[in-house]
Amino acid sequence: MQEHILGIKDNKIHNHYLGHRIQDELINLLASEIKTNIIKNIKNAKYFSIILDSTPSHQEQISFVLGCVDISSTQIQVFEYFLKFLKVDDTTEKSFFDANMN
């Protein structure tokens, strides 16, 4: 990556593909791959949990976290994966239930 950046600075490379659209596409591709791996880990886990919790902020929101226990090796491991903040109207159970997970 350093060589690529130096080539851009030295005008040896004119098409550098570092524009915001390319960066956004790379971020989305990486996010998709990470979510796929998280889902695979959850499906393979013996136990899992879904955690929704309100988060103090200037805007009402809840955090969406998945937890799982991996017992596939000799050492049991517990993982928690933060997925996203969800906008809600208030922090009632109904708002949690109605929150848009997309």
N, C-alpha and C. Protein backbone atom coordinates (compact mmCIF):
# COMPACT_ATOMS: atom_id res chain seq x y z
N MET A 1 0.82 -1.18 0.00
CA MET A 1 0.00 0.00 0.00
C MET A 1 0.88 1.25 0.00
N GLN A 2 1.97 1.21 0.77
CA GLN A 2 2.86 2.36 0.81
C GLN A 2 3.44 2.65 -0.57
N GLU A 3 3.82 1.61 -1.29
CA GLU A 3 4.35 1.78 -2.65
C GLU A 3 3.31 2.40 -3.56
N HIS A 4 2.08 1.97 -3.42
CA HIS A 4 0.99 2.51 -4.23
C HIS A 4 0.81 4.01 -3.96
N ILE A 5 0.78 4.38 -2.68
CA ILE A 5 0.62 5.80 -2.31
C ILE A 5 1.81 6.62 -2.80
N LEU A 6 3.01 6.09 -2.67
CA LEU A 6 4.19 6.82 -3.16
C LEU A 6 4.13 7.00 -4.68
N GLY A 7 3.66 5.99 -5.40
CA GLY A 7 3.49 6.10 -6.85
C GLY A 7 2.52 7.20 -7.22
N ILE A 8 1.47 7.36 -6.42
CA ILE A 8 0.49 8.44 -6.67
C ILE A 8 1.15 9.80 -6.42
N LYS A 9 1.87 9.91 -5.32
CA LYS A 9 2.52 11.19 -4.98
C LYS A 9 3.57 11.57 -6.02
N ASP A 10 4.27 10.59 -6.57
CA ASP A 10 5.32 10.86 -7.55
C ASP A 10 4.77 10.94 -8.98
N ASN A 11 3.45 10.92 -9.12
CA ASN A 11 2.77 11.00 -10.42
C ASN A 11 3.13 9.83 -11.35
N LYS A 12 3.54 8.71 -10.80
CA LYS A 12 3.80 7.51 -11.61
C LYS A 12 2.50 6.74 -11.85
N ILE A 13 1.55 6.91 -10.94
CA ILE A 13 0.24 6.26 -11.06
C ILE A 13 -0.80 7.36 -11.18
N HIS A 14 -1.62 7.29 -12.23
CA HIS A 14 -2.64 8.33 -12.44
C HIS A 14 -4.02 7.85 -12.02
N ASN A 15 -4.30 6.56 -12.18
CA ASN A 15 -5.56 5.99 -11.72
C ASN A 15 -5.30 5.28 -10.40
N HIS A 16 -5.63 5.94 -9.31
CA HIS A 16 -5.25 5.40 -8.00
C HIS A 16 -6.37 4.67 -7.29
N TYR A 17 -7.60 4.80 -7.74
CA TYR A 17 -8.76 4.07 -7.17
C TYR A 17 -8.93 4.32 -5.67
N LEU A 18 -8.64 5.53 -5.25
CA LEU A 18 -8.81 5.87 -3.85
C LEU A 18 -9.95 6.87 -3.64
N GLY A 19 -10.81 7.01 -4.63
CA GLY A 19 -11.95 7.91 -4.51
C GLY A 19 -12.97 7.40 -3.51
N HIS A 20 -13.89 8.26 -3.11
CA HIS A 20 -14.85 7.90 -2.07
C HIS A 20 -15.77 6.76 -2.50
N ARG A 21 -16.10 6.67 -3.78
CA ARG A 21 -16.98 5.57 -4.23
C ARG A 21 -16.28 4.22 -4.09
N ILE A 22 -15.02 4.16 -4.48
CA ILE A 22 -14.25 2.92 -4.35
C ILE A 22 -14.07 2.57 -2.87
N GLN A 23 -13.77 3.57 -2.06
CA GLN A 23 -13.60 3.32 -0.62
C GLN A 23 -14.90 2.78 -0.02
N ASP A 24 -16.04 3.40 -0.38
CA ASP A 24 -17.33 2.94 0.12
C ASP A 24 -17.62 1.51 -0.32
N GLU A 25 -17.29 1.20 -1.57
CA GLU A 25 -17.52 -0.16 -2.06
C GLU A 25 -16.64 -1.17 -1.31
N LEU A 26 -15.39 -0.83 -1.08
CA LEU A 26 -14.51 -1.72 -0.32
C LEU A 26 -15.00 -1.92 1.11
N ILE A 27 -15.45 -0.85 1.74
CA ILE A 27 -15.98 -0.95 3.11
C ILE A 27 -17.21 -1.85 3.12
N ASN A 28 -18.10 -1.68 2.16
CA ASN A 28 -19.31 -2.52 2.10
C ASN A 28 -18.97 -3.98 1.85
N LEU A 29 -17.99 -4.24 0.99
CA LEU A 29 -17.57 -5.63 0.74
C LEU A 29 -16.98 -6.26 1.99
N LEU A 30 -16.14 -5.51 2.69
CA LEU A 30 -15.55 -6.02 3.93
C LEU A 30 -16.62 -6.26 5.00
N ALA A 31 -17.56 -5.32 5.12
CA ALA A 31 -18.63 -5.47 6.10
C ALA A 31 -19.47 -6.70 5.80
N SER A 32 -19.76 -6.93 4.54
CA SER A 32 -20.54 -8.11 4.15
C SER A 32 -19.81 -9.40 4.50
N GLU A 33 -18.51 -9.44 4.25
CA GLU A 33 -17.73 -10.64 4.57
C GLU A 33 -17.67 -10.88 6.08
N ILE A 34 -17.52 -9.81 6.84
CA ILE A 34 -17.48 -9.93 8.30
C ILE A 34 -18.81 -10.44 8.82
N LYS A 35 -19.93 -9.88 8.33
CA LYS A 35 -21.25 -10.34 8.75
C LYS A 35 -21.47 -11.80 8.40
N THR A 36 -21.00 -12.22 7.23
CA THR A 36 -21.12 -13.63 6.82
C THR A 36 -20.38 -14.52 7.81
N ASN A 37 -19.17 -14.11 8.21
CA ASN A 37 -18.40 -14.91 9.18
C ASN A 37 -19.05 -14.93 10.55
N ILE A 38 -19.62 -13.81 10.97
CA ILE A 38 -20.32 -13.77 12.26
C ILE A 38 -21.52 -14.72 12.23
N ILE A 39 -22.29 -14.68 11.17
CA ILE A 39 -23.46 -15.56 11.06
C ILE A 39 -23.04 -17.03 11.07
N LYS A 40 -21.94 -17.33 10.37
CA LYS A 40 -21.42 -18.71 10.37
C LYS A 40 -21.04 -19.14 11.78
N ASN A 41 -20.36 -18.26 12.53
CA ASN A 41 -19.97 -18.56 13.90
C ASN A 41 -21.19 -18.78 14.80
N ILE A 42 -22.22 -17.95 14.62
CA ILE A 42 -23.44 -18.09 15.42
C ILE A 42 -24.13 -19.42 15.10
N LYS A 43 -24.21 -19.76 13.82
CA LYS A 43 -24.86 -21.02 13.43
C LYS A 43 -24.12 -22.24 13.96
N ASN A 44 -22.79 -22.16 14.06
CA ASN A 44 -21.99 -23.28 14.55
C ASN A 44 -21.92 -23.33 16.07
N ALA A 45 -22.36 -22.29 16.75
CA ALA A 45 -22.25 -22.22 18.21
C ALA A 45 -23.28 -23.12 18.88
N LYS A 46 -22.90 -23.66 20.01
CA LYS A 46 -23.82 -24.47 20.81
C LYS A 46 -24.89 -23.57 21.44
N TYR A 47 -24.47 -22.41 21.92
CA TYR A 47 -25.38 -21.46 22.57
C TYR A 47 -25.14 -20.08 21.95
N PHE A 48 -26.23 -19.29 21.86
CA PHE A 48 -26.09 -17.91 21.37
C PHE A 48 -27.09 -17.02 22.08
N SER A 49 -26.88 -15.73 21.99
CA SER A 49 -27.80 -14.76 22.58
C SER A 49 -27.93 -13.56 21.68
N ILE A 50 -29.06 -12.91 21.79
CA ILE A 50 -29.32 -11.64 21.10
C ILE A 50 -29.49 -10.59 22.18
N ILE A 51 -28.69 -9.55 22.11
CA ILE A 51 -28.71 -8.52 23.13
C ILE A 51 -29.14 -7.20 22.49
N LEU A 52 -30.22 -6.63 23.00
CA LEU A 52 -30.67 -5.30 22.60
C LEU A 52 -30.64 -4.44 23.85
N ASP A 53 -29.96 -3.31 23.78
CA ASP A 53 -29.80 -2.48 24.96
C ASP A 53 -29.86 -1.02 24.56
N SER A 54 -30.53 -0.23 25.37
CA SER A 54 -30.59 1.21 25.07
C SER A 54 -29.24 1.84 25.35
N THR A 55 -28.93 2.86 24.57
CA THR A 55 -27.66 3.55 24.69
C THR A 55 -27.92 5.03 24.88
N PRO A 56 -27.46 5.63 25.98
CA PRO A 56 -27.69 7.07 26.18
C PRO A 56 -27.07 7.88 25.04
N SER A 57 -27.87 8.75 24.47
CA SER A 57 -27.40 9.56 23.35
C SER A 57 -28.37 10.72 23.16
N HIS A 58 -28.00 11.65 22.30
CA HIS A 58 -28.92 12.74 21.97
C HIS A 58 -30.07 12.23 21.11
N GLN A 59 -29.93 11.04 20.58
CA GLN A 59 -30.95 10.41 19.76
C GLN A 59 -31.26 9.04 20.36
N GLU A 60 -32.55 8.69 20.46
CA GLU A 60 -32.90 7.39 21.01
C GLU A 60 -32.39 6.28 20.10
N GLN A 61 -31.63 5.36 20.67
CA GLN A 61 -31.11 4.25 19.88
C GLN A 61 -30.84 3.06 20.79
N ILE A 62 -30.78 1.89 20.17
CA ILE A 62 -30.42 0.69 20.91
C ILE A 62 -29.25 0.02 20.19
N SER A 63 -28.43 -0.66 20.95
CA SER A 63 -27.33 -1.40 20.35
C SER A 63 -27.78 -2.85 20.15
N PHE A 64 -27.35 -3.42 19.03
CA PHE A 64 -27.70 -4.79 18.66
C PHE A 64 -26.43 -5.62 18.69
N VAL A 65 -26.37 -6.58 19.62
CA VAL A 65 -25.17 -7.39 19.83
C VAL A 65 -25.57 -8.87 19.80
N LEU A 66 -24.77 -9.67 19.12
CA LEU A 66 -24.95 -11.13 19.14
C LEU A 66 -23.83 -11.74 19.96
N GLY A 67 -24.18 -12.68 20.80
CA GLY A 67 -23.19 -13.39 21.59
C GLY A 67 -23.26 -14.88 21.30
N CYS A 68 -22.14 -15.58 21.44
CA CYS A 68 -22.16 -17.03 21.24
C CYS A 68 -21.06 -17.68 22.05
N VAL A 69 -21.25 -18.98 22.30
CA VAL A 69 -20.27 -19.78 23.02
C VAL A 69 -19.71 -20.81 22.06
N ASP A 70 -18.40 -20.79 21.88
CA ASP A 70 -17.73 -21.75 21.01
C ASP A 70 -17.13 -22.85 21.87
N ILE A 71 -17.67 -24.08 21.71
CA ILE A 71 -17.16 -25.21 22.48
C ILE A 71 -16.45 -26.23 21.57
N SER A 72 -16.08 -25.78 20.36
CA SER A 72 -15.48 -26.69 19.39
C SER A 72 -14.05 -27.10 19.75
N SER A 73 -13.36 -26.33 20.56
CA SER A 73 -11.99 -26.68 20.95
C SER A 73 -11.97 -27.04 22.44
N THR A 74 -10.81 -27.37 22.94
CA THR A 74 -10.69 -27.74 24.36
C THR A 74 -10.93 -26.56 25.28
N GLN A 75 -10.68 -25.37 24.78
CA GLN A 75 -10.91 -24.16 25.58
C GLN A 75 -12.20 -23.50 25.13
N ILE A 76 -13.17 -23.42 26.02
CA ILE A 76 -14.45 -22.79 25.70
C ILE A 76 -14.23 -21.29 25.59
N GLN A 77 -14.79 -20.69 24.53
CA GLN A 77 -14.64 -19.25 24.30
C GLN A 77 -16.01 -18.60 24.13
N VAL A 78 -16.15 -17.41 24.69
CA VAL A 78 -17.37 -16.62 24.56
C VAL A 78 -17.05 -15.41 23.69
N PHE A 79 -17.90 -15.17 22.69
CA PHE A 79 -17.71 -14.04 21.78
C PHE A 79 -18.94 -13.16 21.80
N GLU A 80 -18.73 -11.86 21.67
CA GLU A 80 -19.82 -10.92 21.46
C GLU A 80 -19.49 -10.09 20.23
N TYR A 81 -20.48 -9.93 19.37
CA TYR A 81 -20.30 -9.18 18.13
C TYR A 81 -21.27 -8.01 18.11
N PHE A 82 -20.73 -6.79 18.15
CA PHE A 82 -21.58 -5.61 17.97
C PHE A 82 -21.91 -5.50 16.49
N LEU A 83 -23.21 -5.42 16.17
CA LEU A 83 -23.61 -5.34 14.77
C LEU A 83 -23.98 -3.93 14.34
N LYS A 84 -24.77 -3.23 15.15
CA LYS A 84 -25.16 -1.89 14.73
C LYS A 84 -25.95 -1.19 15.82
N PHE A 85 -26.11 0.12 15.64
CA PHE A 85 -27.06 0.90 16.43
C PHE A 85 -28.35 0.97 15.64
N LEU A 86 -29.47 0.85 16.32
CA LEU A 86 -30.79 0.94 15.68
C LEU A 86 -31.52 2.16 16.22
N LYS A 87 -32.08 2.97 15.32
CA LYS A 87 -32.87 4.12 15.74
C LYS A 87 -34.22 3.63 16.27
N VAL A 88 -34.66 4.22 17.37
CA VAL A 88 -35.97 3.91 17.93
C VAL A 88 -36.63 5.21 18.38
N ASP A 89 -37.96 5.16 18.50
CA ASP A 89 -38.70 6.34 18.96
C ASP A 89 -38.52 6.56 20.46
N ASP A 90 -38.47 5.46 21.20
CA ASP A 90 -38.24 5.52 22.64
C ASP A 90 -37.63 4.19 23.06
N THR A 91 -37.37 4.02 24.34
CA THR A 91 -36.69 2.80 24.79
C THR A 91 -37.65 1.83 25.47
N THR A 92 -38.86 1.74 24.95
CA THR A 92 -39.83 0.77 25.46
C THR A 92 -39.63 -0.56 24.76
N GLU A 93 -40.19 -1.60 25.34
CA GLU A 93 -40.08 -2.93 24.74
C GLU A 93 -40.68 -2.95 23.34
N LYS A 94 -41.78 -2.21 23.14
CA LYS A 94 -42.42 -2.16 21.83
C LYS A 94 -41.48 -1.55 20.79
N SER A 95 -40.77 -0.50 21.14
CA SER A 95 -39.81 0.11 20.20
C SER A 95 -38.68 -0.86 19.86
N PHE A 96 -38.22 -1.62 20.87
CA PHE A 96 -37.19 -2.62 20.62
C PHE A 96 -37.72 -3.65 19.62
N PHE A 97 -38.95 -4.09 19.84
CA PHE A 97 -39.56 -5.11 18.99
C PHE A 97 -39.75 -4.58 17.56
N ASP A 98 -40.15 -3.32 17.44
CA ASP A 98 -40.45 -2.73 16.13
C ASP A 98 -39.22 -2.19 15.41
N ALA A 99 -38.05 -2.21 16.06
CA ALA A 99 -36.84 -1.63 15.46
C ALA A 99 -36.53 -2.30 14.13
N ASN A 100 -36.12 -1.49 13.17
CA ASN A 100 -35.79 -1.99 11.83
C ASN A 100 -34.38 -2.55 11.84
N MET A 101 -34.25 -3.85 11.65
CA MET A 101 -32.94 -4.52 11.70
C MET A 101 -32.16 -4.38 10.40
N ASN A 102 -32.75 -3.88 9.34
CA ASN A 102 -32.05 -3.77 8.04
C ASN A 102 -30.97 -2.74 8.06
